[in-house]
Amino acid sequence: MANPTQFQGSKRQLMLGGALALANATLGLGPVAAQSNDATLKIAVGFPPGGSGDLFARILADGLREELGRTVIIENKPGGGGMTVAIGFLRSPKDGSQLMLATGSTAISAPISRAKPPYNPVEDYTWIALLSNAPFVIAVNPTLPVTTLKELVAYAKARPGKLSYGHAGLGTTVHLAAELFKDIAGIDVVDVPYAGSAGAITDTIAGNVQFIVETSGTLLPHHKAGRLRIITTMAEAREKIAPEIPTSREAGYDLLAGTCNLLAAPLGTPAEVIEPIAKAVSRVMSRPAIQERLSQLGIQSITNSTPAQARTYVAGEIARWTPVVKKLGIAL
């Protein structure tokens, strides 16, 4: 039972709340005061610098600085295959000062790979837009005597359990794509998780692991420099930035996999706060210079995506990959 002091405290809180509401109404403020137009905008990314998600976030931030006239900074919060940032973001303020750049790992693969997901990707965030898609490629250390996907499969089958591959972390989209490749090809190779793609790339180049699954834009500079050899893309068709690289389907393996980038606000962020940000994002993604810059990274830009479309995309991808996760027996 509450004591009289508690009732007096509640009364004072009600009086203060009423006074604040009256002040807000007098000043023309809504129930949730938005950040001023010149306030710093923080975009949280669930991976360390150097990966495809981080590169995309920095390109987006450059465009938003110009469109919004605000300071925009990237906050890298790696861990948990992109889940660490998503869990922390649940408690972020709903005033437009903080957004989350969610990769396919953050929004889709990481939570469904957990036996007990710590958040519901569809319901726990306000999705602003689907921004891009990027197919995955498989690249090998140049000392490995393989130049095609079929040769990699044959080489691995002749050495069961002897080869290893690096990836950006357990439960990431690259992890799921690589495990799907192993299942389809019927090969036994060891997966070596890293806290982001940078470490996986470094160790593949050094020969500590024999191959890696990542986006083409991330690995293409190393491919061109001879540090890695990209042998296949998991895209539907050969990519414009590297038309010489065949698709996995051309080699007889039905592999279609990649990652995406989406922008989210904390659940409950008012529409009047989200609307100007969404419009600015649409203008950024429609810029020819931005589209060309992303294209050179193997990233397919998406323009004019709506919050409803972004939410539908997340739900659809979860429905597509959940049976794969169960088939592969992934339960982290």
C-alpha atoms as a PDB file:
ATOM      1  CA  MET A   1       0.000   0.000   0.000  1.00  0.00           C
ATOM      2  CA  ALA A   2       1.264   3.478  -0.841  1.00  0.00           C
ATOM      3  CA  ASN A   3       1.956   5.906   2.004  1.00  0.00           C
ATOM      4  CA  PRO A   4       0.831   9.600   2.121  1.00  0.00           C
ATOM      5  CA  THR A   5       4.314  10.772   1.128  1.00  0.00           C
ATOM      6  CA  GLN A   6       4.070   8.800  -2.118  1.00  0.00           C
ATOM      7  CA  PHE A   7       0.688  10.369  -2.882  1.00  0.00           C
ATOM      8  CA  GLN A   8       2.114  13.846  -2.234  1.00  0.00           C
ATOM      9  CA  GLY A   9       5.039  13.047  -4.554  1.00  0.00           C
ATOM     10  CA  SER A  10       2.639  11.877  -7.267  1.00  0.00           C
ATOM     11  CA  LYS A  11       0.585  15.066  -6.867  1.00  0.00           C
ATOM     12  CA  ARG A  12       3.665  17.252  -7.229  1.00  0.00           C
ATOM     13  CA  GLN A  13       4.684  15.275 -10.356  1.00  0.00           C
ATOM     14  CA  LEU A  14       1.241  15.762 -11.869  1.00  0.00           C
ATOM     15  CA  MET A  15       1.380  19.507 -11.177  1.00  0.00           C
ATOM     16  CA  LEU A  16       4.856  19.776 -12.698  1.00  0.00           C
ATOM     17  CA  GLY A  17       3.772  17.702 -15.681  1.00  0.00           C
ATOM     18  CA  GLY A  18       0.748  19.931 -16.223  1.00  0.00           C
ATOM     19  CA  ALA A  19       2.862  23.071 -16.021  1.00  0.00           C
ATOM     20  CA  LEU A  20       5.352  21.652 -18.518  1.00  0.00           C
ATOM     21  CA  ALA A  21       2.575  20.682 -20.902  1.00  0.00           C
ATOM     22  CA  LEU A  22       1.090  24.187 -20.648  1.00  0.00           C
ATOM     23  CA  ALA A  23       4.504  25.732 -21.314  1.00  0.00           C
ATOM     24  CA  ASN A  24       5.016  23.504 -24.329  1.00  0.00           C
ATOM     25  CA  ALA A  25       1.599  24.410 -25.696  1.00  0.00           C
ATOM     26  CA  THR A  26       2.295  28.108 -25.191  1.00  0.00           C
ATOM     27  CA  LEU A  27       5.632  27.816 -26.990  1.00  0.00           C
ATOM     28  CA  GLY A  28       4.183  25.685 -29.782  1.00  0.00           C
ATOM     29  CA  LEU A  29       6.066  22.527 -28.791  1.00  0.00           C
ATOM     30  CA  GLY A  30       4.640  19.031 -29.187  1.00  0.00           C
ATOM     31  CA  PRO A  31       4.589  16.362 -26.482  1.00  0.00           C
ATOM     32  CA  VAL A  32       8.079  15.259 -27.579  1.00  0.00           C
ATOM     33  CA  ALA A  33      10.393  18.152 -28.366  1.00  0.00           C
ATOM     34  CA  ALA A  34      12.559  17.369 -31.390  1.00  0.00           C
ATOM     35  CA  GLN A  35      16.200  18.247 -31.619  1.00  0.00           C
ATOM     36  CA  SER A  36      16.958  21.597 -33.237  1.00  0.00           C
ATOM     37  CA  ASN A  37      18.025  21.521 -36.867  1.00  0.00           C
ATOM     38  CA  ASP A  38      21.639  22.248 -35.969  1.00  0.00           C
ATOM     39  CA  ALA A  39      21.955  19.524 -33.326  1.00  0.00           C
ATOM     40  CA  THR A  40      24.463  16.741 -33.890  1.00  0.00           C
ATOM     41  CA  LEU A  41      23.028  13.634 -35.550  1.00  0.00           C
ATOM     42  CA  LYS A  42      24.652  10.346 -34.525  1.00  0.00           C
ATOM     43  CA  ILE A  43      24.420   7.240 -36.701  1.00  0.00           C
ATOM     44  CA  ALA A  44      25.246   4.014 -34.885  1.00  0.00           C
ATOM     45  CA  VAL A  45      26.887   1.191 -36.857  1.00  0.00           C
ATOM     46  CA  GLY A  46      27.268  -2.330 -35.479  1.00  0.00           C
ATOM     47  CA  PHE A  47      30.684  -3.063 -36.988  1.00  0.00           C
ATOM     48  CA  PRO A  48      34.197  -1.588 -36.740  1.00  0.00           C
ATOM     49  CA  PRO A  49      35.607   0.758 -39.385  1.00  0.00           C
ATOM     50  CA  GLY A  50      36.619  -0.752 -42.718  1.00  0.00           C
ATOM     51  CA  GLY A  51      33.701  -3.022 -43.521  1.00  0.00           C
ATOM     52  CA  SER A  52      31.007  -2.483 -46.139  1.00  0.00           C
ATOM     53  CA  GLY A  53      28.419  -1.290 -43.604  1.00  0.00           C
ATOM     54  CA  ASP A  54      30.808   1.268 -42.148  1.00  0.00           C
ATOM     55  CA  LEU A  55      31.847   2.519 -45.599  1.00  0.00           C
ATOM     56  CA  PHE A  56      28.224   2.945 -46.593  1.00  0.00           C
ATOM     57  CA  ALA A  57      27.394   4.780 -43.362  1.00  0.00           C
ATOM     58  CA  ARG A  58      30.155   7.317 -43.982  1.00  0.00           C
ATOM     59  CA  ILE A  59      28.958   7.987 -47.522  1.00  0.00           C
ATOM     60  CA  LEU A  60      25.414   8.483 -46.213  1.00  0.00           C
ATOM     61  CA  ALA A  61      26.691  10.762 -43.453  1.00  0.00           C
ATOM     62  CA  ASP A  62      28.515  12.955 -45.986  1.00  0.00           C
ATOM     63  CA  GLY A  63      25.291  13.451 -47.921  1.00  0.00           C
ATOM     64  CA  LEU A  64      23.165  14.096 -44.837  1.00  0.00           C
ATOM     65  CA  ARG A  65      25.552  16.781 -43.597  1.00  0.00           C
ATOM     66  CA  GLU A  66      24.879  18.734 -46.761  1.00  0.00           C
ATOM     67  CA  GLU A  67      21.147  18.032 -46.914  1.00  0.00           C
ATOM     68  CA  LEU A  68      20.372  18.733 -43.255  1.00  0.00           C
ATOM     69  CA  GLY A  69      23.040  21.317 -42.520  1.00  0.00           C
ATOM     70  CA  ARG A  70      23.873  19.399 -39.348  1.00  0.00           C
ATOM     71  CA  THR A  71      26.915  17.738 -37.883  1.00  0.00           C
ATOM     72  CA  VAL A  72      26.612  14.008 -38.584  1.00  0.00           C
ATOM     73  CA  ILE A  73      28.968  11.552 -36.908  1.00  0.00           C
ATOM     74  CA  ILE A  74      29.361   7.782 -37.120  1.00  0.00           C
ATOM     75  CA  GLU A  75      29.533   5.776 -33.895  1.00  0.00           C
ATOM     76  CA  ASN A  76      30.988   2.296 -34.388  1.00  0.00           C
ATOM     77  CA  LYS A  77      29.668  -0.161 -31.794  1.00  0.00           C
ATOM     78  CA  PRO A  78      30.817  -3.611 -32.925  1.00  0.00           C
ATOM     79  CA  GLY A  79      29.896  -6.913 -31.367  1.00  0.00           C
ATOM     80  CA  GLY A  80      27.432  -9.765 -31.516  1.00  0.00           C
ATOM     81  CA  GLY A  81      27.312  -9.895 -35.304  1.00  0.00           C
ATOM     82  CA  GLY A  82      25.736  -6.437 -35.323  1.00  0.00           C
ATOM     83  CA  MET A  83      23.417  -7.083 -32.374  1.00  0.00           C
ATOM     84  CA  THR A  84      25.266  -5.020 -29.765  1.00  0.00           C
ATOM     85  CA  VAL A  85      24.337  -1.767 -31.457  1.00  0.00           C
ATOM     86  CA  ALA A  86      20.731  -2.886 -31.971  1.00  0.00           C
ATOM     87  CA  ILE A  87      20.257  -3.810 -28.318  1.00  0.00           C
ATOM     88  CA  GLY A  88      21.681  -0.494 -27.126  1.00  0.00           C
ATOM     89  CA  PHE A  89      19.610   1.389 -29.663  1.00  0.00           C
ATOM     90  CA  LEU A  90      16.401   0.200 -27.996  1.00  0.00           C
ATOM     91  CA  ARG A  91      17.095   2.776 -25.273  1.00  0.00           C
ATOM     92  CA  SER A  92      18.030   5.690 -27.552  1.00  0.00           C
ATOM     93  CA  PRO A  93      16.167   9.013 -27.341  1.00  0.00           C
ATOM     94  CA  LYS A  94      13.225   9.470 -29.679  1.00  0.00           C
ATOM     95  CA  ASP A  95      14.089  13.006 -30.746  1.00  0.00           C
ATOM     96  CA  GLY A  96      15.880  12.441 -34.044  1.00  0.00           C
ATOM     97  CA  SER A  97      19.345  12.861 -32.564  1.00  0.00           C
ATOM     98  CA  GLN A  98      20.285   9.200 -33.001  1.00  0.00           C
ATOM     99  CA  LEU A  99      19.719   6.772 -35.867  1.00  0.00           C
ATOM    100  CA  MET A 100      20.938   3.258 -36.582  1.00  0.00           C
ATOM    101  CA  LEU A 101      22.469   2.065 -39.831  1.00  0.00           C
ATOM    102  CA  ALA A 102      21.399  -1.568 -39.821  1.00  0.00           C
ATOM    103  CA  THR A 103      23.072  -4.079 -42.096  1.00  0.00           C
ATOM    104  CA  GLY A 104      21.463  -7.351 -43.064  1.00  0.00           C
ATOM    105  CA  SER A 105      23.263  -8.895 -40.098  1.00  0.00           C
ATOM    106  CA  THR A 106      21.844  -6.418 -37.603  1.00  0.00           C
ATOM    107  CA  ALA A 107      18.314  -6.492 -38.986  1.00  0.00           C
ATOM    108  CA  ILE A 108      17.979 -10.102 -40.089  1.00  0.00           C
ATOM    109  CA  SER A 109      20.616 -12.796 -39.653  1.00  0.00           C
ATOM    110  CA  ALA A 110      22.002 -12.051 -36.173  1.00  0.00           C
ATOM    111  CA  PRO A 111      18.691 -12.182 -34.281  1.00  0.00           C
ATOM    112  CA  ILE A 112      17.303 -15.219 -36.116  1.00  0.00           C
ATOM    113  CA  SER A 113      20.573 -17.084 -35.502  1.00  0.00           C
ATOM    114  CA  ARG A 114      20.055 -16.835 -31.744  1.00  0.00           C
ATOM    115  CA  ALA A 115      18.089 -19.399 -29.793  1.00  0.00           C
ATOM    116  CA  LYS A 116      16.643 -16.492 -27.787  1.00  0.00           C
ATOM    117  CA  PRO A 117      16.662 -13.315 -29.924  1.00  0.00           C
ATOM    118  CA  PRO A 118      17.159 -10.209 -27.747  1.00  0.00           C
ATOM    119  CA  TYR A 119      14.936  -8.076 -29.985  1.00  0.00           C
ATOM    120  CA  ASN A 120      12.266  -8.353 -32.663  1.00  0.00           C
ATOM    121  CA  PRO A 121      13.717  -6.800 -35.836  1.00  0.00           C
ATOM    122  CA  VAL A 122      10.301  -6.054 -37.325  1.00  0.00           C
ATOM    123  CA  GLU A 123       8.487  -4.687 -34.293  1.00  0.00           C
ATOM    124  CA  ASP A 124      11.128  -3.037 -32.095  1.00  0.00           C
ATOM    125  CA  TYR A 125      12.311  -0.242 -34.427  1.00  0.00           C
ATOM    126  CA  THR A 126      10.880   2.471 -36.613  1.00  0.00           C
ATOM    127  CA  TRP A 127      12.270   1.653 -40.047  1.00  0.00           C
ATOM    128  CA  ILE A 128      12.903   4.752 -42.160  1.00  0.00           C
ATOM    129  CA  ALA A 129      14.177   3.351 -45.460  1.00  0.00           C
ATOM    130  CA  LEU A 130      15.799   0.456 -47.279  1.00  0.00           C
ATOM    131  CA  LEU A 131      18.920   2.076 -48.694  1.00  0.00           C
ATOM    132  CA  SER A 132      20.956  -0.480 -50.606  1.00  0.00           C
ATOM    133  CA  ASN A 133      21.785  -4.060 -51.481  1.00  0.00           C
ATOM    134  CA  ALA A 134      25.206  -5.606 -52.098  1.00  0.00           C
ATOM    135  CA  PRO A 135      25.891  -9.186 -53.247  1.00  0.00           C
ATOM    136  CA  PHE A 136      28.560 -11.348 -51.661  1.00  0.00           C
ATOM    137  CA  VAL A 137      31.637 -12.808 -53.325  1.00  0.00           C
ATOM    138  CA  ILE A 138      34.048 -15.577 -52.389  1.00  0.00           C
ATOM    139  CA  ALA A 139      37.743 -14.713 -52.481  1.00  0.00           C
ATOM    140  CA  VAL A 140      40.689 -16.998 -51.849  1.00  0.00           C
ATOM    141  CA  ASN A 141      44.271 -16.441 -50.794  1.00  0.00           C
ATOM    142  CA  PRO A 142      46.293 -16.200 -54.056  1.00  0.00           C
ATOM    143  CA  THR A 143      48.561 -19.080 -53.016  1.00  0.00           C
ATOM    144  CA  LEU A 144      45.597 -21.455 -53.024  1.00  0.00           C
ATOM    145  CA  PRO A 145      45.757 -23.378 -56.347  1.00  0.00           C
ATOM    146  CA  VAL A 146      42.164 -22.632 -57.372  1.00  0.00           C
ATOM    147  CA  THR A 147      40.760 -20.075 -59.815  1.00  0.00           C
ATOM    148  CA  THR A 148      37.098 -21.108 -59.983  1.00  0.00           C
ATOM    149  CA  LEU A 149      34.349 -22.074 -57.566  1.00  0.00           C
ATOM    150  CA  LYS A 150      34.332 -25.666 -58.867  1.00  0.00           C
ATOM    151  CA  GLU A 151      38.063 -25.915 -58.230  1.00  0.00           C
ATOM    152  CA  LEU A 152      37.619 -24.600 -54.667  1.00  0.00           C
ATOM    153  CA  VAL A 153      34.934 -27.200 -53.994  1.00  0.00           C
ATOM    154  CA  ALA A 154      37.098 -30.003 -55.401  1.00  0.00           C
ATOM    155  CA  TYR A 155      40.126 -28.815 -53.427  1.00  0.00           C
ATOM    156  CA  ALA A 156      38.110 -28.676 -50.196  1.00  0.00           C
ATOM    157  CA  LYS A 157      36.551 -32.100 -50.759  1.00  0.00           C
ATOM    158  CA  ALA A 158      40.014 -33.598 -51.165  1.00  0.00           C
ATOM    159  CA  ARG A 159      41.022 -32.082 -47.793  1.00  0.00           C
ATOM    160  CA  PRO A 160      38.008 -32.393 -45.445  1.00  0.00           C
ATOM    161  CA  GLY A 161      38.387 -30.253 -42.336  1.00  0.00           C
ATOM    162  CA  LYS A 162      41.728 -28.835 -43.496  1.00  0.00           C
ATOM    163  CA  LEU A 163      40.597 -25.529 -45.001  1.00  0.00           C
ATOM    164  CA  SER A 164      39.102 -22.574 -43.139  1.00  0.00           C
ATOM    165  CA  TYR A 165      37.282 -19.400 -44.066  1.00  0.00           C
ATOM    166  CA  GLY A 166      37.031 -16.032 -42.342  1.00  0.00           C
ATOM    167  CA  HIS A 167      33.914 -13.951 -41.831  1.00  0.00           C
ATOM    168  CA  ALA A 168      32.694 -10.845 -40.015  1.00  0.00           C
ATOM    169  CA  GLY A 169      31.187 -12.679 -37.043  1.00  0.00           C
ATOM    170  CA  LEU A 170      28.834 -15.421 -35.915  1.00  0.00           C
ATOM    171  CA  GLY A 171      25.287 -14.817 -37.067  1.00  0.00           C
ATOM    172  CA  THR A 172      26.235 -12.264 -39.705  1.00  0.00           C
ATOM    173  CA  THR A 173      24.857 -12.478 -43.222  1.00  0.00           C
ATOM    174  CA  VAL A 174      28.275 -13.544 -44.535  1.00  0.00           C
ATOM    175  CA  HIS A 175      28.370 -16.346 -41.964  1.00  0.00           C
ATOM    176  CA  LEU A 176      24.963 -17.617 -43.076  1.00  0.00           C
ATOM    177  CA  ALA A 177      25.872 -17.298 -46.763  1.00  0.00           C
ATOM    178  CA  ALA A 178      29.126 -19.212 -46.263  1.00  0.00           C
ATOM    179  CA  GLU A 179      27.419 -21.966 -44.274  1.00  0.00           C
ATOM    180  CA  LEU A 180      24.795 -22.217 -47.009  1.00  0.00           C
ATOM    181  CA  PHE A 181      27.611 -22.571 -49.557  1.00  0.00           C
ATOM    182  CA  LYS A 182      29.179 -25.350 -47.484  1.00  0.00           C
ATOM    183  CA  ASP A 183      25.841 -27.160 -47.310  1.00  0.00           C
ATOM    184  CA  ILE A 184      25.063 -26.859 -51.028  1.00  0.00           C
ATOM    185  CA  ALA A 185      28.598 -27.827 -52.082  1.00  0.00           C
ATOM    186  CA  GLY A 186      28.891 -30.612 -49.521  1.00  0.00           C
ATOM    187  CA  ILE A 187      32.267 -29.511 -48.176  1.00  0.00           C
ATOM    188  CA  ASP A 188      33.793 -29.654 -44.699  1.00  0.00           C
ATOM    189  CA  VAL A 189      35.671 -26.441 -43.897  1.00  0.00           C
ATOM    190  CA  VAL A 190      36.213 -24.641 -40.600  1.00  0.00           C
ATOM    191  CA  ASP A 191      34.602 -21.246 -40.026  1.00  0.00           C
ATOM    192  CA  VAL A 192      36.672 -18.634 -38.223  1.00  0.00           C
ATOM    193  CA  PRO A 193      34.639 -15.663 -36.910  1.00  0.00           C
ATOM    194  CA  TYR A 194      36.076 -12.177 -36.447  1.00  0.00           C
ATOM    195  CA  ALA A 195      34.761  -8.970 -34.883  1.00  0.00           C
ATOM    196  CA  GLY A 196      34.102  -7.408 -38.265  1.00  0.00           C
ATOM    197  CA  SER A 197      35.397  -8.026 -41.772  1.00  0.00           C
ATOM    198  CA  ALA A 198      38.697  -6.143 -41.418  1.00  0.00           C
ATOM    199  CA  GLY A 199      40.325  -8.902 -39.351  1.00  0.00           C
ATOM    200  CA  ALA A 200      38.966 -11.604 -41.654  1.00  0.00           C
ATOM    201  CA  ILE A 201      40.381  -9.825 -44.696  1.00  0.00           C
ATOM    202  CA  THR A 202      43.789  -9.373 -43.066  1.00  0.00           C
ATOM    203  CA  ASP A 203      44.031 -13.042 -42.106  1.00  0.00           C
ATOM    204  CA  THR A 204      42.896 -14.250 -45.548  1.00  0.00           C
ATOM    205  CA  ILE A 205      45.572 -12.115 -47.173  1.00  0.00           C
ATOM    206  CA  ALA A 206      48.119 -13.494 -44.681  1.00  0.00           C
ATOM    207  CA  GLY A 207      47.037 -17.062 -45.431  1.00  0.00           C
ATOM    208  CA  ASN A 208      45.859 -17.809 -41.891  1.00  0.00           C
ATOM    209  CA  VAL A 209      42.489 -18.709 -43.413  1.00  0.00           C
ATOM    210  CA  GLN A 210      42.113 -19.861 -47.017  1.00  0.00           C
ATOM    211  CA  PHE A 211      39.048 -17.965 -48.205  1.00  0.00           C
ATOM    212  CA  ILE A 212      36.565 -15.291 -47.212  1.00  0.00           C
ATOM    213  CA  VAL A 213      32.976 -14.317 -47.972  1.00  0.00           C
ATOM    214  CA  GLU A 214      32.365 -10.561 -48.199  1.00  0.00           C
ATOM    215  CA  THR A 215      30.903  -7.902 -50.485  1.00  0.00           C
ATOM    216  CA  SER A 216      32.585  -7.340 -53.825  1.00  0.00           C
ATOM    217  CA  GLY A 217      33.245  -3.657 -53.186  1.00  0.00           C
ATOM    218  CA  THR A 218      35.096  -4.436 -49.972  1.00  0.00           C
ATOM    219  CA  LEU A 219      37.326  -7.078 -51.555  1.00  0.00           C
ATOM    220  CA  LEU A 220      37.763  -5.735 -55.080  1.00  0.00           C
ATOM    221  CA  PRO A 221      40.714  -3.426 -54.249  1.00  0.00           C
ATOM    222  CA  HIS A 222      42.568  -6.429 -52.775  1.00  0.00           C
ATOM    223  CA  HIS A 223      41.591  -8.517 -55.811  1.00  0.00           C
ATOM    224  CA  LYS A 224      42.959  -5.918 -58.225  1.00  0.00           C
ATOM    225  CA  ALA A 225      46.159  -5.583 -56.192  1.00  0.00           C
ATOM    226  CA  GLY A 226      46.706  -9.352 -56.247  1.00  0.00           C
ATOM    227  CA  ARG A 227      46.357  -9.748 -52.479  1.00  0.00           C
ATOM    228  CA  LEU A 228      43.180 -11.823 -52.890  1.00  0.00           C
ATOM    229  CA  ARG A 229      41.532 -13.658 -55.782  1.00  0.00           C
ATOM    230  CA  ILE A 230      37.759 -13.307 -56.164  1.00  0.00           C
ATOM    231  CA  ILE A 231      36.470 -16.476 -57.820  1.00  0.00           C
ATOM    232  CA  THR A 232      32.680 -15.997 -57.790  1.00  0.00           C
ATOM    233  CA  THR A 233      29.834 -13.632 -56.986  1.00  0.00           C
ATOM    234  CA  MET A 234      26.575 -14.655 -55.321  1.00  0.00           C
ATOM    235  CA  ALA A 235      24.648 -12.102 -57.395  1.00  0.00           C
ATOM    236  CA  GLU A 236      21.913 -12.931 -59.895  1.00  0.00           C
ATOM    237  CA  ALA A 237      24.051 -11.583 -62.741  1.00  0.00           C
ATOM    238  CA  ARG A 238      27.673 -10.565 -63.179  1.00  0.00           C
ATOM    239  CA  GLU A 239      28.399  -7.264 -61.502  1.00  0.00           C
ATOM    240  CA  LYS A 240      29.141  -4.165 -63.556  1.00  0.00           C
ATOM    241  CA  ILE A 241      32.226  -3.322 -61.509  1.00  0.00           C
ATOM    242  CA  ALA A 242      33.746  -6.759 -62.162  1.00  0.00           C
ATOM    243  CA  PRO A 243      32.076  -8.371 -65.194  1.00  0.00           C
ATOM    244  CA  GLU A 244      34.891 -10.911 -65.518  1.00  0.00           C
ATOM    245  CA  ILE A 245      33.867 -12.624 -62.260  1.00  0.00           C
ATOM    246  CA  PRO A 246      31.296 -15.399 -62.884  1.00  0.00           C
ATOM    247  CA  THR A 247      28.235 -15.984 -60.741  1.00  0.00           C
ATOM    248  CA  SER A 248      27.882 -19.026 -58.515  1.00  0.00           C
ATOM    249  CA  ARG A 249      24.949 -20.151 -60.636  1.00  0.00           C
ATOM    250  CA  GLU A 250      27.231 -20.275 -63.672  1.00  0.00           C
ATOM    251  CA  ALA A 251      29.336 -22.790 -61.754  1.00  0.00           C
ATOM    252  CA  GLY A 252      26.256 -24.868 -60.969  1.00  0.00           C
ATOM    253  CA  TYR A 253      25.621 -23.726 -57.389  1.00  0.00           C
ATOM    254  CA  ASP A 254      22.329 -21.988 -56.604  1.00  0.00           C
ATOM    255  CA  LEU A 255      23.777 -19.328 -54.338  1.00  0.00           C
ATOM    256  CA  LEU A 256      22.032 -15.970 -54.077  1.00  0.00           C
ATOM    257  CA  ALA A 257      23.134 -13.981 -51.059  1.00  0.00           C
ATOM    258  CA  GLY A 258      24.146 -10.490 -50.071  1.00  0.00           C
ATOM    259  CA  THR A 259      23.628  -7.828 -47.486  1.00  0.00           C
ATOM    260  CA  CYS A 260      21.549  -4.678 -47.246  1.00  0.00           C
ATOM    261  CA  ASN A 261      21.628  -1.351 -45.464  1.00  0.00           C
ATOM    262  CA  LEU A 262      18.609   0.132 -43.738  1.00  0.00           C
ATOM    263  CA  LEU A 263      18.087   3.203 -41.601  1.00  0.00           C
ATOM    264  CA  ALA A 264      16.125   3.035 -38.365  1.00  0.00           C
ATOM    265  CA  ALA A 265      14.948   5.373 -35.633  1.00  0.00           C
ATOM    266  CA  PRO A 266      14.006   4.312 -32.100  1.00  0.00           C
ATOM    267  CA  LEU A 267      10.489   2.932 -31.816  1.00  0.00           C
ATOM    268  CA  GLY A 268       8.068   5.673 -30.894  1.00  0.00           C
ATOM    269  CA  THR A 269       9.934   8.495 -32.634  1.00  0.00           C
ATOM    270  CA  PRO A 270       7.252  10.980 -33.783  1.00  0.00           C
ATOM    271  CA  ALA A 271       6.431  11.131 -37.488  1.00  0.00           C
ATOM    272  CA  GLU A 272       7.193  14.853 -37.584  1.00  0.00           C
ATOM    273  CA  VAL A 273      10.736  14.064 -36.455  1.00  0.00           C
ATOM    274  CA  ILE A 274      11.253  11.249 -38.952  1.00  0.00           C
ATOM    275  CA  GLU A 275       9.731  12.958 -42.001  1.00  0.00           C
ATOM    276  CA  PRO A 276      12.473  15.559 -42.670  1.00  0.00           C
ATOM    277  CA  ILE A 277      15.180  12.945 -42.117  1.00  0.00           C
ATOM    278  CA  ALA A 278      13.449  10.508 -44.484  1.00  0.00           C
ATOM    279  CA  LYS A 279      13.154  13.177 -47.173  1.00  0.00           C
ATOM    280  CA  ALA A 280      16.819  14.112 -46.773  1.00  0.00           C
ATOM    281  CA  VAL A 281      17.832  10.447 -47.032  1.00  0.00           C
ATOM    282  CA  SER A 282      15.802  10.053 -50.222  1.00  0.00           C
ATOM    283  CA  ARG A 283      17.529  13.088 -51.748  1.00  0.00           C
ATOM    284  CA  VAL A 284      20.955  11.728 -50.788  1.00  0.00           C
ATOM    285  CA  MET A 285      20.259   8.307 -52.292  1.00  0.00           C
ATOM    286  CA  SER A 286      18.958   9.950 -55.492  1.00  0.00           C
ATOM    287  CA  ARG A 287      22.166  11.887 -56.118  1.00  0.00           C
ATOM    288  CA  PRO A 288      23.982  10.576 -59.214  1.00  0.00           C
ATOM    289  CA  ALA A 289      27.346  11.182 -57.541  1.00  0.00           C
ATOM    290  CA  ILE A 290      26.336   9.100 -54.519  1.00  0.00           C
ATOM    291  CA  GLN A 291      24.957   6.341 -56.732  1.00  0.00           C
ATOM    292  CA  GLU A 292      28.185   6.241 -58.755  1.00  0.00           C
ATOM    293  CA  ARG A 293      30.297   6.185 -55.605  1.00  0.00           C
ATOM    294  CA  LEU A 294      28.281   3.278 -54.225  1.00  0.00           C
ATOM    295  CA  SER A 295      28.348   1.463 -57.543  1.00  0.00           C
ATOM    296  CA  GLN A 296      32.140   1.485 -57.446  1.00  0.00           C
ATOM    297  CA  LEU A 297      31.861  -0.312 -54.103  1.00  0.00           C
ATOM    298  CA  GLY A 298      29.545  -2.953 -55.530  1.00  0.00           C
ATOM    299  CA  ILE A 299      26.566  -1.463 -53.696  1.00  0.00           C
ATOM    300  CA  GLN A 300      23.224  -1.096 -55.466  1.00  0.00           C
ATOM    301  CA  SER A 301      21.531   2.079 -54.213  1.00  0.00           C
ATOM    302  CA  ILE A 302      17.783   2.160 -53.578  1.00  0.00           C
ATOM    303  CA  THR A 303      15.907   5.437 -53.884  1.00  0.00           C
ATOM    304  CA  ASN A 304      12.500   6.554 -52.620  1.00  0.00           C
ATOM    305  CA  SER A 305      12.080   3.692 -50.166  1.00  0.00           C
ATOM    306  CA  THR A 306       9.288   4.256 -47.660  1.00  0.00           C
ATOM    307  CA  PRO A 307       9.160   3.188 -43.988  1.00  0.00           C
ATOM    308  CA  ALA A 308       6.461   0.644 -44.899  1.00  0.00           C
ATOM    309  CA  GLN A 309       8.610  -0.838 -47.657  1.00  0.00           C
ATOM    310  CA  ALA A 310      11.613  -1.083 -45.343  1.00  0.00           C
ATOM    311  CA  ARG A 311       9.576  -2.868 -42.673  1.00  0.00           C
ATOM    312  CA  THR A 312       8.105  -5.252 -45.260  1.00  0.00           C
ATOM    313  CA  TYR A 313      11.593  -6.019 -46.568  1.00  0.00           C
ATOM    314  CA  VAL A 314      12.880  -6.926 -43.101  1.00  0.00           C
ATOM    315  CA  ALA A 315       9.890  -9.197 -42.477  1.00  0.00           C
ATOM    316  CA  GLY A 316      10.308 -10.878 -45.879  1.00  0.00           C
ATOM    317  CA  GLU A 317      14.029 -11.551 -45.431  1.00  0.00           C
ATOM    318  CA  ILE A 318      13.468 -12.999 -41.993  1.00  0.00           C
ATOM    319  CA  ALA A 319      10.856 -15.342 -43.472  1.00  0.00           C
ATOM    320  CA  ARG A 320      13.311 -16.328 -46.255  1.00  0.00           C
ATOM    321  CA  TRP A 321      16.342 -17.021 -44.054  1.00  0.00           C
ATOM    322  CA  THR A 322      14.744 -18.527 -40.937  1.00  0.00           C
ATOM    323  CA  PRO A 323      14.213 -21.959 -42.596  1.00  0.00           C
ATOM    324  CA  VAL A 324      17.839 -21.864 -43.803  1.00  0.00           C
ATOM    325  CA  VAL A 325      19.082 -21.181 -40.266  1.00  0.00           C
ATOM    326  CA  LYS A 326      17.012 -24.070 -38.934  1.00  0.00           C
ATOM    327  CA  LYS A 327      18.182 -26.415 -41.702  1.00  0.00           C
ATOM    328  CA  LEU A 328      21.808 -25.581 -41.014  1.00  0.00           C
ATOM    329  CA  GLY A 329      21.269 -26.012 -37.276  1.00  0.00           C
ATOM    330  CA  ILE A 330      22.606 -22.573 -36.358  1.00  0.00           C
ATOM    331  CA  ALA A 331      21.526 -21.638 -32.820  1.00  0.00           C
ATOM    332  CA  LEU A 332      24.009 -19.326 -31.122  1.00  0.00           C
END
